[in-house]
N, C-alpha and C. Protein backbone atom coordinates (compact mmCIF):
# COMPACT_ATOMS: atom_id res chain seq x y z
N MET A 1 0.84 -1.17 0.00
CA MET A 1 0.00 0.00 0.00
C MET A 1 0.89 1.24 0.00
N SER A 2 0.63 2.12 -0.90
CA SER A 2 1.45 3.33 -1.00
C SER A 2 1.12 4.32 0.12
N ALA A 3 1.96 5.31 0.27
CA ALA A 3 1.78 6.31 1.32
C ALA A 3 0.51 7.12 1.09
N LYS A 4 0.20 7.43 -0.17
CA LYS A 4 -1.00 8.21 -0.48
C LYS A 4 -2.26 7.42 -0.13
N SER A 5 -2.25 6.14 -0.47
CA SER A 5 -3.44 5.34 -0.17
C SER A 5 -3.60 5.14 1.34
N LYS A 6 -2.50 5.06 2.08
CA LYS A 6 -2.58 4.95 3.54
C LYS A 6 -3.18 6.22 4.13
N ARG A 7 -2.74 7.38 3.63
CA ARG A 7 -3.29 8.64 4.12
C ARG A 7 -4.77 8.77 3.79
N LEU A 8 -5.13 8.36 2.58
CA LEU A 8 -6.53 8.41 2.18
C LEU A 8 -7.37 7.49 3.06
N PHE A 9 -6.87 6.30 3.32
CA PHE A 9 -7.59 5.35 4.17
C PHE A 9 -7.75 5.92 5.58
N LYS A 10 -6.69 6.51 6.14
CA LYS A 10 -6.77 7.11 7.47
C LYS A 10 -7.78 8.25 7.49
N ARG A 11 -7.80 9.05 6.45
CA ARG A 11 -8.74 10.16 6.37
C ARG A 11 -10.17 9.64 6.30
N ILE A 12 -10.40 8.61 5.50
CA ILE A 12 -11.74 8.03 5.39
C ILE A 12 -12.18 7.47 6.73
N VAL A 13 -11.29 6.76 7.40
CA VAL A 13 -11.64 6.18 8.70
C VAL A 13 -11.90 7.29 9.72
N SER A 14 -11.12 8.36 9.70
CA SER A 14 -11.32 9.42 10.68
C SER A 14 -12.64 10.15 10.46
N TYR A 15 -13.10 10.27 9.25
CA TYR A 15 -14.37 10.95 8.98
C TYR A 15 -15.56 10.00 9.01
N SER A 16 -15.33 8.72 9.16
CA SER A 16 -16.45 7.78 9.17
C SER A 16 -17.35 8.00 10.38
N GLY A 17 -16.79 8.44 11.51
CA GLY A 17 -17.61 8.72 12.69
C GLY A 17 -18.62 9.82 12.42
N ILE A 18 -18.17 10.87 11.76
CA ILE A 18 -19.06 11.98 11.42
C ILE A 18 -20.15 11.50 10.46
N PHE A 19 -19.75 10.68 9.49
CA PHE A 19 -20.72 10.15 8.53
C PHE A 19 -21.78 9.32 9.23
N PHE A 20 -21.37 8.41 10.12
CA PHE A 20 -22.33 7.54 10.79
C PHE A 20 -23.21 8.32 11.76
N PHE A 21 -22.67 9.36 12.40
CA PHE A 21 -23.49 10.20 13.27
C PHE A 21 -24.55 10.92 12.44
N ALA A 22 -24.16 11.48 11.32
CA ALA A 22 -25.12 12.17 10.45
C ALA A 22 -26.16 11.20 9.91
N LEU A 23 -25.73 10.00 9.57
CA LEU A 23 -26.66 8.98 9.09
C LEU A 23 -27.66 8.61 10.17
N ALA A 24 -27.18 8.42 11.41
CA ALA A 24 -28.08 8.07 12.51
C ALA A 24 -29.05 9.21 12.81
N ALA A 25 -28.56 10.45 12.80
CA ALA A 25 -29.43 11.59 13.04
C ALA A 25 -30.49 11.70 11.95
N GLY A 26 -30.10 11.48 10.71
CA GLY A 26 -31.06 11.51 9.60
C GLY A 26 -32.10 10.42 9.70
N MET A 27 -31.67 9.22 10.08
CA MET A 27 -32.62 8.11 10.23
C MET A 27 -33.58 8.37 11.39
N LEU A 28 -33.05 8.92 12.48
CA LEU A 28 -33.91 9.24 13.62
C LEU A 28 -34.94 10.30 13.24
N TRP A 29 -34.49 11.33 12.54
CA TRP A 29 -35.44 12.35 12.09
C TRP A 29 -36.49 11.75 11.16
N TRP A 30 -36.06 10.89 10.23
CA TRP A 30 -36.98 10.29 9.26
C TRP A 30 -38.04 9.44 9.97
N GLN A 31 -37.64 8.70 11.00
CA GLN A 31 -38.59 7.86 11.72
C GLN A 31 -39.55 8.68 12.59
N LEU A 32 -39.10 9.80 13.13
CA LEU A 32 -39.91 10.58 14.07
C LEU A 32 -40.53 11.83 13.46
N ARG A 33 -40.43 12.02 12.17
CA ARG A 33 -40.87 13.27 11.55
C ARG A 33 -42.38 13.48 11.64
N ASN A 34 -43.16 12.40 11.78
CA ASN A 34 -44.62 12.54 11.83
C ASN A 34 -45.16 12.71 13.25
N TYR A 35 -44.28 12.73 14.25
CA TYR A 35 -44.71 12.85 15.64
C TYR A 35 -44.31 14.22 16.19
N THR A 36 -45.13 14.71 17.12
CA THR A 36 -44.78 15.96 17.79
C THR A 36 -43.93 15.65 19.01
N PHE A 37 -43.31 16.69 19.56
CA PHE A 37 -42.49 16.51 20.75
C PHE A 37 -43.32 16.00 21.92
N SER A 38 -44.56 16.48 22.02
CA SER A 38 -45.41 16.03 23.13
C SER A 38 -45.78 14.55 22.98
N ASP A 39 -45.97 14.08 21.75
CA ASP A 39 -46.22 12.64 21.53
C ASP A 39 -45.04 11.81 22.03
N ILE A 40 -43.85 12.25 21.71
CA ILE A 40 -42.64 11.52 22.12
C ILE A 40 -42.48 11.56 23.63
N ALA A 41 -42.72 12.73 24.22
CA ALA A 41 -42.61 12.86 25.67
C ALA A 41 -43.63 11.98 26.38
N HIS A 42 -44.87 11.94 25.88
CA HIS A 42 -45.89 11.09 26.50
C HIS A 42 -45.54 9.61 26.36
N ALA A 43 -44.98 9.24 25.23
CA ALA A 43 -44.59 7.83 25.04
C ALA A 43 -43.48 7.44 26.02
N ILE A 44 -42.54 8.35 26.24
CA ILE A 44 -41.45 8.06 27.18
C ILE A 44 -41.99 8.00 28.60
N LEU A 45 -42.91 8.91 28.95
CA LEU A 45 -43.46 8.93 30.30
C LEU A 45 -44.40 7.75 30.56
N ASP A 46 -44.90 7.11 29.50
CA ASP A 46 -45.75 5.93 29.67
C ASP A 46 -44.94 4.68 30.02
N ILE A 47 -43.63 4.74 29.86
CA ILE A 47 -42.78 3.59 30.22
C ILE A 47 -42.77 3.48 31.74
N PRO A 48 -42.94 2.28 32.29
CA PRO A 48 -42.88 2.12 33.75
C PRO A 48 -41.55 2.63 34.30
N LEU A 49 -41.61 3.29 35.46
CA LEU A 49 -40.44 3.93 36.05
C LEU A 49 -39.26 2.97 36.25
N PRO A 50 -39.47 1.75 36.79
CA PRO A 50 -38.30 0.86 36.96
C PRO A 50 -37.61 0.53 35.63
N ASN A 51 -38.40 0.35 34.59
CA ASN A 51 -37.82 0.05 33.27
C ASN A 51 -37.04 1.25 32.73
N LEU A 52 -37.58 2.45 32.94
CA LEU A 52 -36.92 3.66 32.48
C LEU A 52 -35.61 3.89 33.22
N VAL A 53 -35.62 3.67 34.54
CA VAL A 53 -34.40 3.82 35.33
C VAL A 53 -33.36 2.79 34.89
N PHE A 54 -33.78 1.55 34.69
CA PHE A 54 -32.86 0.51 34.23
C PHE A 54 -32.26 0.86 32.87
N ALA A 55 -33.07 1.39 31.97
CA ALA A 55 -32.55 1.77 30.64
C ALA A 55 -31.54 2.90 30.75
N CYS A 56 -31.81 3.88 31.62
CA CYS A 56 -30.87 5.00 31.80
C CYS A 56 -29.56 4.52 32.40
N ILE A 57 -29.63 3.64 33.39
CA ILE A 57 -28.41 3.10 34.00
C ILE A 57 -27.62 2.30 32.98
N SER A 58 -28.30 1.50 32.18
CA SER A 58 -27.61 0.71 31.15
C SER A 58 -26.92 1.61 30.13
N CYS A 59 -27.59 2.68 29.74
CA CYS A 59 -27.01 3.62 28.78
C CYS A 59 -25.78 4.29 29.38
N LEU A 60 -25.87 4.72 30.63
CA LEU A 60 -24.72 5.35 31.28
C LEU A 60 -23.57 4.38 31.44
N GLU A 61 -23.87 3.13 31.76
CA GLU A 61 -22.82 2.12 31.88
C GLU A 61 -22.14 1.88 30.54
N PHE A 62 -22.93 1.82 29.47
CA PHE A 62 -22.39 1.63 28.12
C PHE A 62 -21.46 2.79 27.77
N LEU A 63 -21.91 4.02 28.02
CA LEU A 63 -21.09 5.19 27.70
C LEU A 63 -19.82 5.24 28.54
N SER A 64 -19.94 4.95 29.83
CA SER A 64 -18.75 5.01 30.68
C SER A 64 -17.74 3.94 30.30
N THR A 65 -18.21 2.77 29.90
CA THR A 65 -17.29 1.71 29.46
C THR A 65 -16.52 2.15 28.23
N HIS A 66 -17.21 2.73 27.27
CA HIS A 66 -16.53 3.15 26.04
C HIS A 66 -15.62 4.35 26.28
N LEU A 67 -16.04 5.26 27.14
CA LEU A 67 -15.15 6.39 27.46
C LEU A 67 -13.90 5.90 28.17
N TRP A 68 -14.04 4.91 29.04
CA TRP A 68 -12.88 4.35 29.73
C TRP A 68 -11.93 3.69 28.72
N GLN A 69 -12.49 2.96 27.76
CA GLN A 69 -11.65 2.32 26.75
C GLN A 69 -10.93 3.36 25.90
N MET A 70 -11.62 4.44 25.54
CA MET A 70 -10.97 5.49 24.76
C MET A 70 -9.86 6.14 25.57
N TRP A 71 -10.11 6.35 26.86
CA TRP A 71 -9.09 6.93 27.72
C TRP A 71 -7.86 6.02 27.77
N GLN A 72 -8.07 4.72 27.87
CA GLN A 72 -6.96 3.78 27.91
C GLN A 72 -6.16 3.80 26.60
N ILE A 73 -6.84 3.95 25.48
CA ILE A 73 -6.15 4.03 24.19
C ILE A 73 -5.31 5.30 24.14
N PHE A 74 -5.88 6.43 24.59
CA PHE A 74 -5.11 7.68 24.58
C PHE A 74 -3.90 7.59 25.49
N ILE A 75 -4.06 6.97 26.64
CA ILE A 75 -2.96 6.85 27.58
C ILE A 75 -1.86 5.96 26.99
N SER A 76 -2.27 4.86 26.36
CA SER A 76 -1.27 3.94 25.81
C SER A 76 -0.50 4.56 24.64
N ARG A 77 -1.16 5.45 23.88
CA ARG A 77 -0.49 6.11 22.76
C ARG A 77 0.28 7.34 23.22
N GLY A 78 -0.14 7.88 24.32
CA GLY A 78 0.48 9.12 24.80
C GLY A 78 -0.17 10.30 24.13
N VAL A 79 -1.03 10.98 24.85
CA VAL A 79 -1.71 12.15 24.29
C VAL A 79 -0.70 13.27 24.11
N LYS A 80 -0.70 13.86 22.92
CA LYS A 80 0.29 14.89 22.61
C LYS A 80 -0.34 16.25 22.61
């Protein structure tokens, strides 16, 4: 693999996060475009409280695990 193709590949990989975030935001908008904010809020509030708390804790645990892994990668590489 030549140096130019390596740089191109690194650039594509570095921008893939932005692409997938935009894709997810677009898909979320497309799925929810026919609902009002109050419809969404009422649907969330209709979820039983224990289930909602469990979902929030699971989401926070998922995020903290990934943030910890990213921190470990930065530490191992040496943040400059």
